[in-house]
Amino acid sequence: MYRVYDKPEFLRQKVLDEAIRQTQAANAKGLKVEWLVSDQTTVKQLTQFFTEKNVNVLVKYLAE
């Protein structure tokens, strides 16, 4: 689901909405949002997507 460029626009919007919700909640408490992802392609896609949308979520690769 998180390979956002392989999904239709409505699913990309759902991912974006969730990221925005999390960053707003984190910012209210002075925290940052970090997503740990176990797929390199997904890390690249989410990083690019959040950069384009100006959403401050750090996406990191976590090997299983």
PDB file of N, CA and C in Angstrom:
ATOM      1  N   MET A   1       0.811  -1.191   0.000  1.00  0.00           N
ATOM      2  CA  MET A   1       0.000   0.000   0.000  1.00  0.00           C
ATOM      3  C   MET A   1       0.857   1.259   0.000  1.00  0.00           C
ATOM      4  N   TYR A   2       2.039   1.206   0.541  1.00  0.00           N
ATOM      5  CA  TYR A   2       2.824   2.424   0.697  1.00  0.00           C
ATOM      6  C   TYR A   2       3.755   2.728  -0.477  1.00  0.00           C
ATOM      7  N   ARG A   3       3.724   1.917  -1.513  1.00  0.00           N
ATOM      8  CA  ARG A   3       4.417   2.293  -2.746  1.00  0.00           C
ATOM      9  C   ARG A   3       3.486   3.264  -3.475  1.00  0.00           C
ATOM     10  N   VAL A   4       3.541   4.503  -3.054  1.00  0.00           N
ATOM     11  CA  VAL A   4       2.526   5.489  -3.414  1.00  0.00           C
ATOM     12  C   VAL A   4       2.448   5.785  -4.906  1.00  0.00           C
ATOM     13  N   TYR A   5       3.563   5.686  -5.612  1.00  0.00           N
ATOM     14  CA  TYR A   5       3.518   5.993  -7.049  1.00  0.00           C
ATOM     15  C   TYR A   5       2.993   4.819  -7.880  1.00  0.00           C
ATOM     16  N   ASP A   6       2.774   3.687  -7.231  1.00  0.00           N
ATOM     17  CA  ASP A   6       2.184   2.535  -7.905  1.00  0.00           C
ATOM     18  C   ASP A   6       0.687   2.433  -7.623  1.00  0.00           C
ATOM     19  N   LYS A   7       0.148   3.396  -6.897  1.00  0.00           N
ATOM     20  CA  LYS A   7      -1.253   3.360  -6.460  1.00  0.00           C
ATOM     21  C   LYS A   7      -2.054   4.503  -7.079  1.00  0.00           C
ATOM     22  N   PRO A   8      -3.373   4.361  -7.113  1.00  0.00           N
ATOM     23  CA  PRO A   8      -4.223   5.449  -7.620  1.00  0.00           C
ATOM     24  C   PRO A   8      -4.201   6.653  -6.680  1.00  0.00           C
ATOM     25  N   GLU A   9      -4.615   7.774  -7.216  1.00  0.00           N
ATOM     26  CA  GLU A   9      -4.573   9.041  -6.486  1.00  0.00           C
ATOM     27  C   GLU A   9      -5.307   8.978  -5.154  1.00  0.00           C
ATOM     28  N   PHE A  10      -6.461   8.330  -5.097  1.00  0.00           N
ATOM     29  CA  PHE A  10      -7.214   8.314  -3.835  1.00  0.00           C
ATOM     30  C   PHE A  10      -6.442   7.593  -2.727  1.00  0.00           C
ATOM     31  N   LEU A  11      -5.636   6.578  -3.056  1.00  0.00           N
ATOM     32  CA  LEU A  11      -4.830   5.902  -2.039  1.00  0.00           C
ATOM     33  C   LEU A  11      -3.639   6.759  -1.621  1.00  0.00           C
ATOM     34  N   ARG A  12      -3.048   7.472  -2.583  1.00  0.00           N
ATOM     35  CA  ARG A  12      -1.969   8.406  -2.234  1.00  0.00           C
ATOM     36  C   ARG A  12      -2.498   9.464  -1.273  1.00  0.00           C
ATOM     37  N   GLN A  13      -3.724   9.905  -1.501  1.00  0.00           N
ATOM     38  CA  GLN A  13      -4.314  10.915  -0.632  1.00  0.00           C
ATOM     39  C   GLN A  13      -4.519  10.377   0.770  1.00  0.00           C
ATOM     40  N   LYS A  14      -4.903   9.111   0.895  1.00  0.00           N
ATOM     41  CA  LYS A  14      -5.078   8.505   2.223  1.00  0.00           C
ATOM     42  C   LYS A  14      -3.748   8.463   2.983  1.00  0.00           C
ATOM     43  N   VAL A  15      -2.677   8.109   2.290  1.00  0.00           N
ATOM     44  CA  VAL A  15      -1.353   8.092   2.913  1.00  0.00           C
ATOM     45  C   VAL A  15      -0.964   9.507   3.333  1.00  0.00           C
ATOM     46  N   LEU A  16      -1.196  10.467   2.462  1.00  0.00           N
ATOM     47  CA  LEU A  16      -0.886  11.859   2.770  1.00  0.00           C
ATOM     48  C   LEU A  16      -1.694  12.356   3.968  1.00  0.00           C
ATOM     49  N   ASP A  17      -2.964  12.062   3.991  1.00  0.00           N
ATOM     50  CA  ASP A  17      -3.820  12.485   5.104  1.00  0.00           C
ATOM     51  C   ASP A  17      -3.317  11.926   6.435  1.00  0.00           C
ATOM     52  N   GLU A  18      -2.917  10.663   6.435  1.00  0.00           N
ATOM     53  CA  GLU A  18      -2.415  10.040   7.657  1.00  0.00           C
ATOM     54  C   GLU A  18      -1.098  10.688   8.092  1.00  0.00           C
ATOM     55  N   ALA A  19      -0.226  10.947   7.154  1.00  0.00           N
ATOM     56  CA  ALA A  19       1.051  11.587   7.484  1.00  0.00           C
ATOM     57  C   ALA A  19       0.827  12.990   8.049  1.00  0.00           C
ATOM     58  N   ILE A  20      -0.087  13.730   7.470  1.00  0.00           N
ATOM     59  CA  ILE A  20      -0.399  15.073   7.957  1.00  0.00           C
ATOM     60  C   ILE A  20      -0.988  14.994   9.367  1.00  0.00           C
ATOM     61  N   ARG A  21      -1.894  14.057   9.587  1.00  0.00           N
ATOM     62  CA  ARG A  21      -2.487  13.887  10.917  1.00  0.00           C
ATOM     63  C   ARG A  21      -1.403  13.595  11.952  1.00  0.00           C
ATOM     64  N   GLN A  22      -0.491  12.704  11.613  1.00  0.00           N
ATOM     65  CA  GLN A  22       0.570  12.350  12.547  1.00  0.00           C
ATOM     66  C   GLN A  22       1.507  13.521  12.812  1.00  0.00           C
ATOM     67  N   THR A  23       1.874  14.261  11.774  1.00  0.00           N
ATOM     68  CA  THR A  23       2.790  15.389  11.976  1.00  0.00           C
ATOM     69  C   THR A  23       2.136  16.502  12.781  1.00  0.00           C
ATOM     70  N   GLN A  24       0.857  16.726  12.589  1.00  0.00           N
ATOM     71  CA  GLN A  24       0.165  17.745  13.376  1.00  0.00           C
ATOM     72  C   GLN A  24       0.138  17.363  14.855  1.00  0.00           C
ATOM     73  N   ALA A  25      -0.146  16.098  15.137  1.00  0.00           N
ATOM     74  CA  ALA A  25      -0.167  15.626  16.523  1.00  0.00           C
ATOM     75  C   ALA A  25       1.234  15.688  17.130  1.00  0.00           C
ATOM     76  N   ALA A  26       2.238  15.294  16.370  1.00  0.00           N
ATOM     77  CA  ALA A  26       3.611  15.323  16.872  1.00  0.00           C
ATOM     78  C   ALA A  26       4.077  16.751  17.114  1.00  0.00           C
ATOM     79  N   ASN A  27       3.785  17.645  16.188  1.00  0.00           N
ATOM     80  CA  ASN A  27       4.197  19.041  16.330  1.00  0.00           C
ATOM     81  C   ASN A  27       3.585  19.684  17.562  1.00  0.00           C
ATOM     82  N   ALA A  28       2.371  19.311  17.901  1.00  0.00           N
ATOM     83  CA  ALA A  28       1.703  19.866  19.076  1.00  0.00           C
ATOM     84  C   ALA A  28       2.449  19.518  20.367  1.00  0.00           C
ATOM     85  N   LYS A  29       3.190  18.432  20.332  1.00  0.00           N
ATOM     86  CA  LYS A  29       3.948  17.990  21.517  1.00  0.00           C
ATOM     87  C   LYS A  29       5.459  18.181  21.340  1.00  0.00           C
ATOM     88  N   GLY A  30       5.859  18.854  20.251  1.00  0.00           N
ATOM     89  CA  GLY A  30       7.279  19.084  20.014  1.00  0.00           C
ATOM     90  C   GLY A  30       8.037  17.849  19.566  1.00  0.00           C
ATOM     91  N   LEU A  31       7.347  16.918  18.932  1.00  0.00           N
ATOM     92  CA  LEU A  31       7.955  15.667  18.483  1.00  0.00           C
ATOM     93  C   LEU A  31       8.040  15.626  16.964  1.00  0.00           C
ATOM     94  N   LYS A  32       8.741  14.614  16.443  1.00  0.00           N
ATOM     95  CA  LYS A  32       8.845  14.406  15.003  1.00  0.00           C
ATOM     96  C   LYS A  32       8.272  13.034  14.655  1.00  0.00           C
ATOM     97  N   VAL A  33       7.914  12.869  13.406  1.00  0.00           N
ATOM     98  CA  VAL A  33       7.336  11.602  12.932  1.00  0.00           C
ATOM     99  C   VAL A  33       8.393  10.852  12.132  1.00  0.00           C
ATOM    100  N   GLU A  34       8.495   9.562  12.418  1.00  0.00           N
ATOM    101  CA  GLU A  34       9.427   8.694  11.708  1.00  0.00           C
ATOM    102  C   GLU A  34       8.681   7.421  11.305  1.00  0.00           C
ATOM    103  N   TRP A  35       8.751   7.097  10.029  1.00  0.00           N
ATOM    104  CA  TRP A  35       8.151   5.851   9.545  1.00  0.00           C
ATOM    105  C   TRP A  35       9.273   4.878   9.246  1.00  0.00           C
ATOM    106  N   LEU A  36       9.177   3.681   9.787  1.00  0.00           N
ATOM    107  CA  LEU A  36      10.140   2.619   9.529  1.00  0.00           C
ATOM    108  C   LEU A  36       9.526   1.655   8.522  1.00  0.00           C
ATOM    109  N   VAL A  37      10.249   1.432   7.438  1.00  0.00           N
ATOM    110  CA  VAL A  37       9.714   0.655   6.323  1.00  0.00           C
ATOM    111  C   VAL A  37      10.725  -0.431   5.954  1.00  0.00           C
ATOM    112  N   SER A  38      10.242  -1.621   5.654  1.00  0.00           N
ATOM    113  CA  SER A  38      11.124  -2.753   5.384  1.00  0.00           C
ATOM    114  C   SER A  38      11.320  -3.027   3.894  1.00  0.00           C
ATOM    115  N   ASP A  39      11.045  -2.040   3.063  1.00  0.00           N
ATOM    116  CA  ASP A  39      11.198  -2.205   1.614  1.00  0.00           C
ATOM    117  C   ASP A  39      11.896  -0.956   1.061  1.00  0.00           C
ATOM    118  N   GLN A  40      13.032  -1.154   0.386  1.00  0.00           N
ATOM    119  CA  GLN A  40      13.831  -0.026  -0.113  1.00  0.00           C
ATOM    120  C   GLN A  40      13.073   0.838  -1.119  1.00  0.00           C
ATOM    121  N   THR A  41      12.324   0.221  -2.015  1.00  0.00           N
ATOM    122  CA  THR A  41      11.566   0.982  -3.011  1.00  0.00           C
ATOM    123  C   THR A  41      10.527   1.859  -2.337  1.00  0.00           C
ATOM    124  N   THR A  42       9.875   1.325  -1.333  1.00  0.00           N
ATOM    125  CA  THR A  42       8.871   2.087  -0.603  1.00  0.00           C
ATOM    126  C   THR A  42       9.506   3.273   0.119  1.00  0.00           C
ATOM    127  N   VAL A  43      10.680   3.073   0.692  1.00  0.00           N
ATOM    128  CA  VAL A  43      11.393   4.165   1.350  1.00  0.00           C
ATOM    129  C   VAL A  43      11.640   5.292   0.360  1.00  0.00           C
ATOM    130  N   LYS A  44      12.125   4.955  -0.818  1.00  0.00           N
ATOM    131  CA  LYS A  44      12.403   5.969  -1.839  1.00  0.00           C
ATOM    132  C   LYS A  44      11.133   6.694  -2.268  1.00  0.00           C
ATOM    133  N   GLN A  45      10.073   5.921  -2.513  1.00  0.00           N
ATOM    134  CA  GLN A  45       8.825   6.527  -2.968  1.00  0.00           C
ATOM    135  C   GLN A  45       8.222   7.434  -1.902  1.00  0.00           C
ATOM    136  N   LEU A  46       8.171   6.970  -0.658  1.00  0.00           N
ATOM    137  CA  LEU A  46       7.591   7.787   0.403  1.00  0.00           C
ATOM    138  C   LEU A  46       8.425   9.037   0.658  1.00  0.00           C
ATOM    139  N   THR A  47       9.736   8.903   0.649  1.00  0.00           N
ATOM    140  CA  THR A  47      10.606  10.058   0.850  1.00  0.00           C
ATOM    141  C   THR A  47      10.359  11.108  -0.219  1.00  0.00           C
ATOM    142  N   GLN A  48      10.299  10.688  -1.474  1.00  0.00           N
ATOM    143  CA  GLN A  48      10.026  11.614  -2.571  1.00  0.00           C
ATOM    144  C   GLN A  48       8.629  12.231  -2.436  1.00  0.00           C
ATOM    145  N   PHE A  49       7.656  11.406  -2.138  1.00  0.00           N
ATOM    146  CA  PHE A  49       6.267  11.849  -2.008  1.00  0.00           C
ATOM    147  C   PHE A  49       6.126  12.899  -0.906  1.00  0.00           C
ATOM    148  N   PHE A  50       6.676  12.625   0.269  1.00  0.00           N
ATOM    149  CA  PHE A  50       6.564  13.569   1.374  1.00  0.00           C
ATOM    150  C   PHE A  50       7.336  14.854   1.095  1.00  0.00           C
ATOM    151  N   THR A  51       8.446  14.757   0.404  1.00  0.00           N
ATOM    152  CA  THR A  51       9.198  15.953   0.022  1.00  0.00           C
ATOM    153  C   THR A  51       8.367  16.814  -0.930  1.00  0.00           C
ATOM    154  N   GLU A  52       7.768  16.179  -1.926  1.00  0.00           N
ATOM    155  CA  GLU A  52       6.926  16.910  -2.892  1.00  0.00           C
ATOM    156  C   GLU A  52       5.733  17.569  -2.212  1.00  0.00           C
ATOM    157  N   LYS A  53       5.182  16.912  -1.208  1.00  0.00           N
ATOM    158  CA  LYS A  53       3.989  17.414  -0.526  1.00  0.00           C
ATOM    159  C   LYS A  53       4.334  18.286   0.679  1.00  0.00           C
ATOM    160  N   ASN A  54       5.640  18.470   0.922  1.00  0.00           N
ATOM    161  CA  ASN A  54       6.114  19.309   2.022  1.00  0.00           C
ATOM    162  C   ASN A  54       5.581  18.831   3.387  1.00  0.00           C
ATOM    163  N   VAL A  55       5.666  17.520   3.585  1.00  0.00           N
ATOM    164  CA  VAL A  55       5.251  16.911   4.851  1.00  0.00           C
ATOM    165  C   VAL A  55       6.511  16.376   5.522  1.00  0.00           C
ATOM    166  N   ASN A  56       6.729  16.789   6.752  1.00  0.00           N
ATOM    167  CA  ASN A  56       7.960  16.463   7.454  1.00  0.00           C
ATOM    168  C   ASN A  56       7.870  15.104   8.157  1.00  0.00           C
ATOM    169  N   VAL A  57       8.027  14.046   7.370  1.00  0.00           N
ATOM    170  CA  VAL A  57       8.071  12.681   7.905  1.00  0.00           C
ATOM    171  C   VAL A  57       9.406  12.079   7.477  1.00  0.00           C
ATOM    172  N   LEU A  58      10.153  11.593   8.429  1.00  0.00           N
ATOM    173  CA  LEU A  58      11.414  10.925   8.139  1.00  0.00           C
ATOM    174  C   LEU A  58      11.110   9.450   7.866  1.00  0.00           C
ATOM    175  N   VAL A  59      11.504   8.978   6.698  1.00  0.00           N
ATOM    176  CA  VAL A  59      11.254   7.584   6.317  1.00  0.00           C
ATOM    177  C   VAL A  59      12.594   6.856   6.347  1.00  0.00           C
ATOM    178  N   LYS A  60      12.659   5.789   7.128  1.00  0.00           N
ATOM    179  CA  LYS A  60      13.899   5.022   7.266  1.00  0.00           C
ATOM    180  C   LYS A  60      13.672   3.576   6.885  1.00  0.00           C
ATOM    181  N   TYR A  61      14.731   2.974   6.356  1.00  0.00           N
ATOM    182  CA  TYR A  61      14.711   1.557   6.028  1.00  0.00           C
ATOM    183  C   TYR A  61      15.029   0.762   7.287  1.00  0.00           C
ATOM    184  N   LEU A  62      14.227  -0.236   7.561  1.00  0.00           N
ATOM    185  CA  LEU A  62      14.453  -1.134   8.694  1.00  0.00           C
ATOM    186  C   LEU A  62      14.456  -2.556   8.147  1.00  0.00           C
ATOM    187  N   ALA A  63      15.647  -3.138   8.084  1.00  0.00           N
ATOM    188  CA  ALA A  63      15.759  -4.506   7.568  1.00  0.00           C
ATOM    189  C   ALA A  63      15.079  -5.479   8.502  1.00  0.00           C
ATOM    190  N   GLU A  64      14.399  -6.441   7.912  1.00  0.00           N
ATOM    191  CA  GLU A  64      13.701  -7.444   8.731  1.00  0.00           C
ATOM    192  C   GLU A  64      14.655  -8.518   9.173  1.00  0.00           C
TER     193      GLU A  64
END
